[in-house]
C-alpha atoms as a PDB file:
ATOM      1  CA  THR A   1     138.793 -72.683  -9.170  1.00  0.00           C
ATOM      2  CA  LYS A   2     142.463 -71.798 -11.309  1.00  0.00           C
ATOM      3  CA  GLN A   3     142.123 -69.753 -14.395  1.00  0.00           C
ATOM      4  CA  LYS A   4     145.380 -70.532 -17.804  1.00  0.00           C
ATOM      5  CA  LYS A   5     147.278 -67.415 -17.859  1.00  0.00           C
ATOM      6  CA  ARG A   6     146.128 -66.206 -20.699  1.00  0.00           C
ATOM      7  CA  HIS A   7     148.091 -65.183 -23.935  1.00  0.00           C
ATOM      8  CA  MET A   8     147.805 -61.811 -24.897  1.00  0.00           C
ATOM      9  CA  GLY A   9     148.196 -60.029 -28.312  1.00  0.00           C
ATOM     10  CA  ASP A  10     150.571 -57.257 -28.956  1.00  0.00           C
ATOM     11  CA  THR A  11     148.235 -54.339 -27.576  1.00  0.00           C
ATOM     12  CA  LYS A  12     147.986 -56.122 -24.727  1.00  0.00           C
ATOM     13  CA  HIS A  13     143.977 -54.722 -23.697  1.00  0.00           C
ATOM     14  CA  PHE A  14     144.061 -52.248 -26.062  1.00  0.00           C
ATOM     15  CA  CYS A  15     142.473 -52.248 -29.106  1.00  0.00           C
ATOM     16  CA  PRO A  16     145.156 -52.509 -31.749  1.00  0.00           C
ATOM     17  CA  VAL A  17     142.592 -51.620 -34.266  1.00  0.00           C
ATOM     18  CA  SER A  18     142.228 -48.485 -32.711  1.00  0.00           C
ATOM     19  CA  LEU A  19     146.027 -48.230 -32.167  1.00  0.00           C
ATOM     20  CA  LYS A  20     146.731 -48.858 -36.103  1.00  0.00           C
ATOM     21  CA  GLU A  21     144.146 -46.463 -37.580  1.00  0.00           C
ATOM     22  CA  ASP A  22     143.465 -43.827 -35.331  1.00  0.00           C
ATOM     23  CA  PHE A  23     146.758 -43.923 -33.108  1.00  0.00           C
ATOM     24  CA  VAL A  24     144.710 -44.217 -29.505  1.00  0.00           C
ATOM     25  CA  LEU A  25     144.881 -46.506 -26.956  1.00  0.00           C
ATOM     26  CA  TYR A  26     141.272 -47.370 -26.799  1.00  0.00           C
ATOM     27  CA  PRO A  27     141.025 -49.947 -24.193  1.00  0.00           C
ATOM     28  CA  GLY A  28     138.934 -53.365 -25.025  1.00  0.00           C
ATOM     29  CA  LEU A  29     135.525 -55.104 -24.649  1.00  0.00           C
ATOM     30  CA  GLN A  30     136.590 -58.640 -23.052  1.00  0.00           C
ATOM     31  CA  GLU A  31     132.635 -59.554 -25.223  1.00  0.00           C
ATOM     32  CA  HIS A  32     134.883 -57.825 -28.262  1.00  0.00           C
ATOM     33  CA  ALA A  33     138.036 -60.609 -27.925  1.00  0.00           C
ATOM     34  CA  ALA A  34     139.426 -62.579 -30.849  1.00  0.00           C
ATOM     35  CA  LYS A  35     142.858 -65.758 -30.771  1.00  0.00           C
ATOM     36  CA  TYR A  36     144.586 -65.068 -33.688  1.00  0.00           C
ATOM     37  CA  LYS A  37     148.168 -67.301 -33.649  1.00  0.00           C
ATOM     38  CA  GLU A  38     147.252 -68.083 -29.400  1.00  0.00           C
ATOM     39  CA  LYS A  39     146.944 -64.704 -28.548  1.00  0.00           C
ATOM     40  CA  ILE A  40     144.417 -62.998 -27.154  1.00  0.00           C
ATOM     41  CA  TYR A  41     143.465 -59.940 -28.829  1.00  0.00           C
ATOM     42  CA  TYR A  42     140.118 -57.196 -27.587  1.00  0.00           C
ATOM     43  CA  PHE A  43     138.704 -54.805 -29.803  1.00  0.00           C
ATOM     44  CA  SER A  44     136.945 -51.921 -28.856  1.00  0.00           C
ATOM     45  CA  THR A  45     133.787 -52.906 -30.761  1.00  0.00           C
ATOM     46  CA  SER A  46     132.496 -55.394 -32.891  1.00  0.00           C
ATOM     47  CA  GLU A  47     132.674 -53.740 -36.220  1.00  0.00           C
ATOM     48  CA  TYR A  48     137.170 -53.646 -35.582  1.00  0.00           C
ATOM     49  CA  ARG A  49     136.937 -57.531 -34.731  1.00  0.00           C
ATOM     50  CA  ASP A  50     135.167 -58.312 -37.751  1.00  0.00           C
ATOM     51  CA  LYS A  51     138.032 -55.250 -39.497  1.00  0.00           C
ATOM     52  CA  PHE A  52     141.117 -57.496 -37.930  1.00  0.00           C
ATOM     53  CA  LEU A  53     140.213 -61.322 -38.569  1.00  0.00           C
ATOM     54  CA  LYS A  54     139.466 -60.069 -42.302  1.00  0.00           C
ATOM     55  CA  ASN A  55     143.648 -59.754 -42.034  1.00  0.00           C
ATOM     56  CA  PRO A  56     145.434 -59.717 -39.215  1.00  0.00           C
ATOM     57  CA  GLU A  57     148.720 -59.733 -40.722  1.00  0.00           C
ATOM     58  CA  GLU A  58     148.043 -55.275 -40.641  1.00  0.00           C
ATOM     59  CA  TYR A  59     147.506 -55.171 -37.148  1.00  0.00           C
ATOM     60  CA  VAL A  60     149.864 -57.396 -35.523  1.00  0.00           C
ATOM     61  CA  ALA A  61     153.821 -56.376 -35.026  1.00  0.00           C
ATOM     62  CA  HIS A  62     156.310 -58.222 -36.736  1.00  0.00           C
ATOM     63  CA  ASN A  63     159.796 -57.330 -37.075  1.00  0.00           C
ATOM     64  CA  GLU A  64     159.612 -54.295 -34.517  1.00  0.00           C
ATOM     65  CA  PRO A  65     157.140 -53.683 -31.416  1.00  0.00           C
ATOM     66  CA  LEU A  66     153.584 -51.716 -32.431  1.00  0.00           C
ATOM     67  CA  GLN A  67     155.374 -48.117 -31.593  1.00  0.00           C
ATOM     68  CA  ALA A  68     152.526 -46.417 -28.729  1.00  0.00           C
ATOM     69  CA  PRO A  69     151.152 -43.336 -29.316  1.00  0.00           C
ATOM     70  CA  PRO A  70     152.927 -39.905 -27.708  1.00  0.00           C
ATOM     71  CA  LEU A  71     151.357 -38.550 -23.749  1.00  0.00           C
ATOM     72  CA  ARG A  72     147.418 -37.422 -24.084  1.00  0.00           C
ATOM     73  CA  VAL A  73     146.239 -35.659 -20.725  1.00  0.00           C
ATOM     74  CA  CYS A  74     143.065 -33.398 -19.833  1.00  0.00           C
ATOM     75  CA  LEU A  75     143.725 -31.625 -17.230  1.00  0.00           C
ATOM     76  CA  LEU A  76     140.233 -30.080 -15.296  1.00  0.00           C
ATOM     77  CA  GLY A  77     139.598 -27.842 -12.701  1.00  0.00           C
ATOM     78  CA  ILE A  78     137.208 -24.877 -11.117  1.00  0.00           C
ATOM     79  CA  HIS A  79     138.229 -21.771 -12.722  1.00  0.00           C
ATOM     80  CA  GLY A  80     141.138 -20.147 -11.132  1.00  0.00           C
ATOM     81  CA  ALA A  81     142.525 -23.655  -9.746  1.00  0.00           C
ATOM     82  CA  GLY A  82     145.726 -23.256 -11.620  1.00  0.00           C
ATOM     83  CA  LYS A  83     145.105 -24.881 -14.306  1.00  0.00           C
ATOM     84  CA  SER A  84     147.289 -22.956 -17.435  1.00  0.00           C
ATOM     85  CA  THR A  85     149.752 -22.530 -14.507  1.00  0.00           C
ATOM     86  CA  CYS A  86     149.959 -26.471 -14.366  1.00  0.00           C
ATOM     87  CA  ALA A  87     150.112 -26.911 -17.645  1.00  0.00           C
ATOM     88  CA  ARG A  88     152.815 -25.113 -18.921  1.00  0.00           C
ATOM     89  CA  GLN A  89     154.798 -26.326 -16.541  1.00  0.00           C
ATOM     90  CA  ILE A  90     154.081 -29.752 -17.113  1.00  0.00           C
ATOM     91  CA  ALA A  91     154.286 -29.408 -21.177  1.00  0.00           C
ATOM     92  CA  ASP A  92     157.230 -27.988 -21.122  1.00  0.00           C
ATOM     93  CA  LYS A  93     158.668 -30.932 -18.744  1.00  0.00           C
ATOM     94  CA  LEU A  94     157.254 -33.582 -21.201  1.00  0.00           C
ATOM     95  CA  GLY A  95     157.913 -31.186 -24.154  1.00  0.00           C
ATOM     96  CA  ILE A  96     154.838 -31.290 -25.769  1.00  0.00           C
ATOM     97  CA  PHE A  97     151.973 -29.138 -26.554  1.00  0.00           C
ATOM     98  CA  HIS A  98     149.565 -27.460 -24.203  1.00  0.00           C
ATOM     99  CA  ILE A  99     146.486 -26.301 -25.804  1.00  0.00           C
ATOM    100  CA  GLN A 100     144.482 -23.962 -23.805  1.00  0.00           C
ATOM    101  CA  PHE A 101     140.194 -24.787 -24.857  1.00  0.00           C
ATOM    102  CA  GLU A 102     138.883 -21.547 -23.985  1.00  0.00           C
ATOM    103  CA  GLU A 103     142.299 -19.791 -25.327  1.00  0.00           C
ATOM    104  CA  TYR A 104     141.943 -21.779 -28.504  1.00  0.00           C
ATOM    105  CA  LEU A 105     137.993 -20.813 -29.329  1.00  0.00           C
ATOM    106  CA  GLN A 106     138.643 -16.918 -29.045  1.00  0.00           C
ATOM    107  CA  GLU A 107     141.497 -17.577 -31.103  1.00  0.00           C
ATOM    108  CA  LEU A 108     138.925 -18.690 -34.014  1.00  0.00           C
ATOM    109  CA  ILE A 109     136.709 -16.217 -33.605  1.00  0.00           C
ATOM    110  CA  LEU A 110     139.138 -13.056 -32.916  1.00  0.00           C
ATOM    111  CA  PRO A 111     139.770 -12.218 -36.562  1.00  0.00           C
ATOM    112  CA  LYS A 112     136.231 -11.393 -36.961  1.00  0.00           C
ATOM    113  CA  THR A 113     135.458  -9.683 -32.945  1.00  0.00           C
ATOM    114  CA  GLU A 114     139.036  -8.102 -33.261  1.00  0.00           C
ATOM    115  CA  LYS A 115     138.747  -8.631 -28.823  1.00  0.00           C
ATOM    116  CA  LYS A 116     138.153 -11.279 -26.918  1.00  0.00           C
ATOM    117  CA  VAL A 117     134.583 -12.156 -25.972  1.00  0.00           C
ATOM    118  CA  GLY A 118     133.288 -13.758 -22.838  1.00  0.00           C
ATOM    119  CA  PRO A 119     131.921 -11.272 -19.171  1.00  0.00           C
ATOM    120  CA  SER A 120     135.523 -11.415 -18.087  1.00  0.00           C
ATOM    121  CA  PHE A 121     136.458  -9.492 -21.372  1.00  0.00           C
ATOM    122  CA  ASP A 122     133.063  -7.408 -21.397  1.00  0.00           C
ATOM    123  CA  GLU A 123     134.316  -4.972 -18.473  1.00  0.00           C
ATOM    124  CA  ASP A 124     137.843  -4.252 -20.215  1.00  0.00           C
ATOM    125  CA  HIS A 125     136.239  -3.194 -23.314  1.00  0.00           C
ATOM    126  CA  GLU A 126     133.445  -0.772 -22.418  1.00  0.00           C
ATOM    127  CA  ASP A 127     133.696   2.641 -23.837  1.00  0.00           C
ATOM    128  CA  ASP A 128     134.989   4.919 -21.207  1.00  0.00           C
ATOM    129  CA  SER A 129     136.536   7.072 -22.910  1.00  0.00           C
ATOM    130  CA  LYS A 130     134.342   7.524 -26.039  1.00  0.00           C
ATOM    131  CA  ILE A 131     134.372  12.032 -26.652  1.00  0.00           C
ATOM    132  CA  PRO A 132     130.080  12.857 -27.351  1.00  0.00           C
ATOM    133  CA  GLU A 133     129.471  13.815 -30.749  1.00  0.00           C
ATOM    134  CA  GLU A 134     129.311  17.219 -29.633  1.00  0.00           C
ATOM    135  CA  LEU A 135     132.565  17.847 -28.678  1.00  0.00           C
ATOM    136  CA  GLU A 136     134.473  15.661 -31.350  1.00  0.00           C
ATOM    137  CA  ASP A 137     135.742  18.684 -32.781  1.00  0.00           C
ATOM    138  CA  PHE A 138     137.583  19.701 -30.012  1.00  0.00           C
ATOM    139  CA  SER A 139     138.702  16.142 -28.920  1.00  0.00           C
ATOM    140  CA  GLN A 140     142.262  15.365 -30.391  1.00  0.00           C
ATOM    141  CA  THR A 141     141.268  11.697 -31.156  1.00  0.00           C
ATOM    142  CA  MET A 142     140.427  10.264 -33.543  1.00  0.00           C
ATOM    143  CA  THR A 143     137.370   8.701 -32.740  1.00  0.00           C
ATOM    144  CA  LYS A 144     135.448   9.830 -35.683  1.00  0.00           C
ATOM    145  CA  THR A 145     137.113   6.686 -37.427  1.00  0.00           C
ATOM    146  CA  LYS A 146     136.914   4.505 -35.004  1.00  0.00           C
ATOM    147  CA  THR A 147     132.679   4.689 -34.680  1.00  0.00           C
ATOM    148  CA  GLU A 148     133.552   4.542 -38.918  1.00  0.00           C
ATOM    149  CA  LYS A 149     134.863   1.226 -38.591  1.00  0.00           C
ATOM    150  CA  ASN A 150     132.613  -0.095 -35.700  1.00  0.00           C
ATOM    151  CA  LYS A 151     129.518   0.614 -38.093  1.00  0.00           C
ATOM    152  CA  GLN A 152     130.533  -1.856 -40.384  1.00  0.00           C
ATOM    153  CA  ALA A 153     128.917  -4.799 -39.290  1.00  0.00           C
ATOM    154  CA  VAL A 154     130.867  -7.630 -38.631  1.00  0.00           C
ATOM    155  CA  GLU A 155     128.672 -10.595 -40.151  1.00  0.00           C
ATOM    156  CA  LEU A 156     130.362 -14.519 -38.139  1.00  0.00           C
ATOM    157  CA  THR A 157     129.375 -17.746 -39.345  1.00  0.00           C
ATOM    158  CA  ASP A 158     127.319 -20.428 -37.008  1.00  0.00           C
ATOM    159  CA  GLU A 159     130.188 -22.419 -36.872  1.00  0.00           C
ATOM    160  CA  GLU A 160     131.955 -18.854 -34.583  1.00  0.00           C
ATOM    161  CA  GLU A 161     128.438 -17.793 -33.884  1.00  0.00           C
ATOM    162  CA  ALA A 162     128.324 -20.944 -31.487  1.00  0.00           C
ATOM    163  CA  ILE A 163     131.917 -20.396 -30.361  1.00  0.00           C
ATOM    164  CA  LYS A 164     130.952 -16.903 -29.167  1.00  0.00           C
ATOM    165  CA  ALA A 165     127.829 -17.843 -27.345  1.00  0.00           C
ATOM    166  CA  ASN A 166     129.856 -20.818 -25.608  1.00  0.00           C
ATOM    167  CA  LEU A 167     132.480 -18.324 -24.518  1.00  0.00           C
ATOM    168  CA  MET A 168     130.293 -15.521 -23.424  1.00  0.00           C
ATOM    169  CA  ASP A 169     126.561 -17.924 -21.698  1.00  0.00           C
ATOM    170  CA  ASN A 170     128.874 -20.919 -21.262  1.00  0.00           C
ATOM    171  CA  THR A 171     126.519 -22.619 -23.974  1.00  0.00           C
ATOM    172  CA  GLU A 172     127.582 -26.024 -24.918  1.00  0.00           C
ATOM    173  CA  LEU A 173     129.076 -26.636 -28.114  1.00  0.00           C
ATOM    174  CA  PRO A 174     127.397 -28.487 -30.410  1.00  0.00           C
ATOM    175  CA  PRO A 175     128.767 -32.165 -32.058  1.00  0.00           C
ATOM    176  CA  GLU A 176     129.352 -30.786 -35.249  1.00  0.00           C
ATOM    177  CA  VAL A 177     131.455 -28.017 -34.096  1.00  0.00           C
ATOM    178  CA  LEU A 178     133.256 -30.177 -32.000  1.00  0.00           C
ATOM    179  CA  ASP A 179     134.124 -32.281 -34.799  1.00  0.00           C
ATOM    180  CA  LYS A 180     135.728 -29.894 -37.063  1.00  0.00           C
ATOM    181  CA  ILE A 181     137.842 -28.995 -33.192  1.00  0.00           C
ATOM    182  CA  VAL A 182     139.482 -31.249 -30.739  1.00  0.00           C
ATOM    183  CA  PRO A 183     139.802 -34.766 -33.758  1.00  0.00           C
ATOM    184  CA  ASP A 184     142.598 -33.204 -34.513  1.00  0.00           C
ATOM    185  CA  TRP A 185     144.459 -32.604 -31.892  1.00  0.00           C
ATOM    186  CA  TRP A 186     144.377 -36.935 -32.062  1.00  0.00           C
ATOM    187  CA  LYS A 187     144.633 -37.781 -35.668  1.00  0.00           C
ATOM    188  CA  LYS A 188     146.284 -35.013 -37.522  1.00  0.00           C
ATOM    189  CA  GLU A 189     150.469 -33.845 -36.880  1.00  0.00           C
ATOM    190  CA  PRO A 190     151.752 -32.183 -35.381  1.00  0.00           C
ATOM    191  CA  PHE A 191     150.243 -33.444 -32.008  1.00  0.00           C
ATOM    192  CA  ARG A 192     149.634 -36.600 -33.607  1.00  0.00           C
ATOM    193  CA  SER A 193     153.618 -37.517 -32.929  1.00  0.00           C
ATOM    194  CA  THR A 194     153.970 -35.337 -30.516  1.00  0.00           C
ATOM    195  CA  GLY A 195     151.244 -35.653 -27.433  1.00  0.00           C
ATOM    196  CA  PHE A 196     149.201 -32.272 -25.609  1.00  0.00           C
ATOM    197  CA  ILE A 197     148.191 -31.507 -22.179  1.00  0.00           C
ATOM    198  CA  LEU A 198     144.134 -30.079 -22.727  1.00  0.00           C
ATOM    199  CA  ASP A 199     143.716 -28.068 -20.022  1.00  0.00           C
ATOM    200  CA  GLY A 200     139.632 -27.028 -19.624  1.00  0.00           C
ATOM    201  CA  PHE A 201     138.329 -29.289 -21.748  1.00  0.00           C
ATOM    202  CA  PRO A 202     135.712 -31.797 -21.305  1.00  0.00           C
ATOM    203  CA  ARG A 203     134.445 -29.423 -18.882  1.00  0.00           C
ATOM    204  CA  THR A 204     130.738 -31.254 -19.287  1.00  0.00           C
ATOM    205  CA  SER A 205     129.046 -34.737 -19.111  1.00  0.00           C
ATOM    206  CA  ASP A 206     128.307 -34.408 -22.743  1.00  0.00           C
ATOM    207  CA  GLU A 207     131.738 -33.044 -23.601  1.00  0.00           C
ATOM    208  CA  ALA A 208     133.474 -36.774 -22.019  1.00  0.00           C
ATOM    209  CA  ARG A 209     130.482 -38.194 -23.548  1.00  0.00           C
ATOM    210  CA  TYR A 210     131.956 -37.106 -27.311  1.00  0.00           C
ATOM    211  CA  LEU A 211     135.441 -38.067 -26.243  1.00  0.00           C
ATOM    212  CA  SER A 212     134.239 -41.396 -25.522  1.00  0.00           C
ATOM    213  CA  GLU A 213     131.969 -41.677 -28.972  1.00  0.00           C
ATOM    214  CA  ARG A 214     134.666 -40.649 -31.246  1.00  0.00           C
ATOM    215  CA  GLY A 215     137.423 -43.069 -29.568  1.00  0.00           C
ATOM    216  CA  LEU A 216     139.145 -39.588 -28.414  1.00  0.00           C
ATOM    217  CA  CYS A 217     140.664 -41.383 -25.576  1.00  0.00           C
ATOM    218  CA  PRO A 218     142.782 -39.465 -22.806  1.00  0.00           C
ATOM    219  CA  ASP A 219     146.171 -41.687 -21.512  1.00  0.00           C
ATOM    220  CA  VAL A 220     145.288 -39.889 -18.309  1.00  0.00           C
ATOM    221  CA  ALA A 221     142.578 -37.209 -16.640  1.00  0.00           C
ATOM    222  CA  VAL A 222     143.489 -35.103 -13.960  1.00  0.00           C
ATOM    223  CA  TYR A 223     140.873 -32.929 -11.864  1.00  0.00           C
ATOM    224  CA  ILE A 224     142.639 -30.152  -9.578  1.00  0.00           C
ATOM    225  CA  GLN A 225     140.300 -29.451  -6.581  1.00  0.00           C
ATOM    226  CA  VAL A 226     141.228 -26.249  -4.946  1.00  0.00           C
ATOM    227  CA  GLU A 227     140.256 -24.481  -1.550  1.00  0.00           C
ATOM    228  CA  GLU A 228     137.641 -20.887  -2.963  1.00  0.00           C
ATOM    229  CA  GLY A 229     140.120 -19.387  -0.065  1.00  0.00           C
ATOM    230  CA  ASP A 230     143.297 -19.849  -2.474  1.00  0.00           C
ATOM    231  CA  ILE A 231     140.439 -19.608  -5.646  1.00  0.00           C
ATOM    232  CA  LEU A 232     139.945 -15.851  -4.232  1.00  0.00           C
ATOM    233  CA  ASP A 233     143.800 -14.908  -3.027  1.00  0.00           C
ATOM    234  CA  ARG A 234     145.011 -15.926  -5.991  1.00  0.00           C
ATOM    235  CA  LEU A 235     142.377 -14.381  -7.642  1.00  0.00           C
ATOM    236  CA  PHE A 236     141.313 -11.016  -5.781  1.00  0.00           C
ATOM    237  CA  PRO A 237     144.181  -8.770  -6.623  1.00  0.00           C
ATOM    238  CA  PRO A 238     144.856  -9.271 -10.318  1.00  0.00           C
ATOM    239  CA  ARG A 239     141.263  -8.360 -10.298  1.00  0.00           C
ATOM    240  CA  LEU A 240     141.654  -5.653  -7.533  1.00  0.00           C
ATOM    241  CA  LYS A 241     144.324  -3.870  -9.256  1.00  0.00           C
ATOM    242  CA  LYS A 242     142.738  -3.585 -12.849  1.00  0.00           C
ATOM    243  CA  TRP A 243     139.112  -2.595 -10.747  1.00  0.00           C
ATOM    244  CA  LYS A 244     142.431   0.865  -9.760  1.00  0.00           C
ATOM    245  CA  ASP A 245     143.804   0.765 -13.251  1.00  0.00           C
ATOM    246  CA  ARG A 246     140.108   1.296 -14.855  1.00  0.00           C
ATOM    247  CA  TRP A 247     139.479   4.082 -11.710  1.00  0.00           C
ATOM    248  CA  ARG A 248     141.780   6.190 -13.082  1.00  0.00           C
ATOM    249  CA  LYS A 249     141.255   5.838 -16.857  1.00  0.00           C
ATOM    250  CA  LYS A 250     137.520   7.114 -16.236  1.00  0.00           C
ATOM    251  CA  LYS A 251     138.870   9.931 -13.648  1.00  0.00           C
ATOM    252  CA  GLU A 252     141.522  10.861 -16.563  1.00  0.00           C
ATOM    253  CA  TYR A 253     138.722  10.962 -19.108  1.00  0.00           C
ATOM    254  CA  LYS A 254     136.087  12.970 -17.016  1.00  0.00           C
ATOM    255  CA  LYS A 255     139.508  15.993 -16.783  1.00  0.00           C
ATOM    256  CA  LYS A 256     139.296  14.964 -20.379  1.00  0.00           C
ATOM    257  CA  LEU A 257     136.029  15.890 -20.892  1.00  0.00           C
ATOM    258  CA  LYS A 258     135.248  19.008 -18.491  1.00  0.00           C
ATOM    259  CA  ASP A 259     137.823  20.510 -19.952  1.00  0.00           C
ATOM    260  CA  LEU A 260     137.137  19.737 -23.834  1.00  0.00           C
ATOM    261  CA  LYS A 261     133.419  21.873 -21.644  1.00  0.00           C
ATOM    262  CA  ALA A 262     134.830  25.155 -20.781  1.00  0.00           C
ATOM    263  CA  LYS A 263     137.293  25.093 -24.381  1.00  0.00           C
ATOM    264  CA  GLN A 264     133.617  24.833 -25.689  1.00  0.00           C
ATOM    265  CA  ARG A 265     132.443  27.528 -23.586  1.00  0.00           C
ATOM    266  CA  VAL A 266     135.387  30.075 -24.290  1.00  0.00           C
END
């Protein structure tokens, strides 16, 4: 049987209450539909439908069409797929913010850790050039000062500990920590009116479920699929260069240590 053409509301199949209050295009459901002035509106929840029916004029267009929210993109893919490179280009082209999720987490704890944490940064901070205590008197460096500074214990809050565990061991961030980070990109300025491309989030099904439960819908999610050989070609040369630099520094350190030992013998 041929169905009658539906006259949909100003927000089409998106929830008008989510648009008005959260500035998010949240798809409505048929079971949460309501009719107002011969137009059908769909809502994300029954609570939002009831809220709309109490005061419909607050959520419909009057003199001008309703303003749509800016573009929000989630860019996903495995490590080395080129997410950040693509995200920077897209952000520049569309005039939206580029948010690199892992880098953002690093910045939150950097004031206390004073260095980036995680498997890819651990090897960069090994104390290869520390002079043994018995040779400190012959060293012209500020090793002792640095040692005293490092002895000062840095206490992290529970939230910061959770972020550090995520960066170090990929431990999932609890919802209460995500609540202090993620919603701001949808609900606070300047992201709210400009839009963004979120690079590297969500990474798990639980994080995707978190976005859904909080009503934080991206307009599009892009997953970059890359061959293993391409990732190897991209990541291996810089890693090799880093290894060579570390080997050179170790060689210089050993020479310095040998000179100091000779000086001590004299």
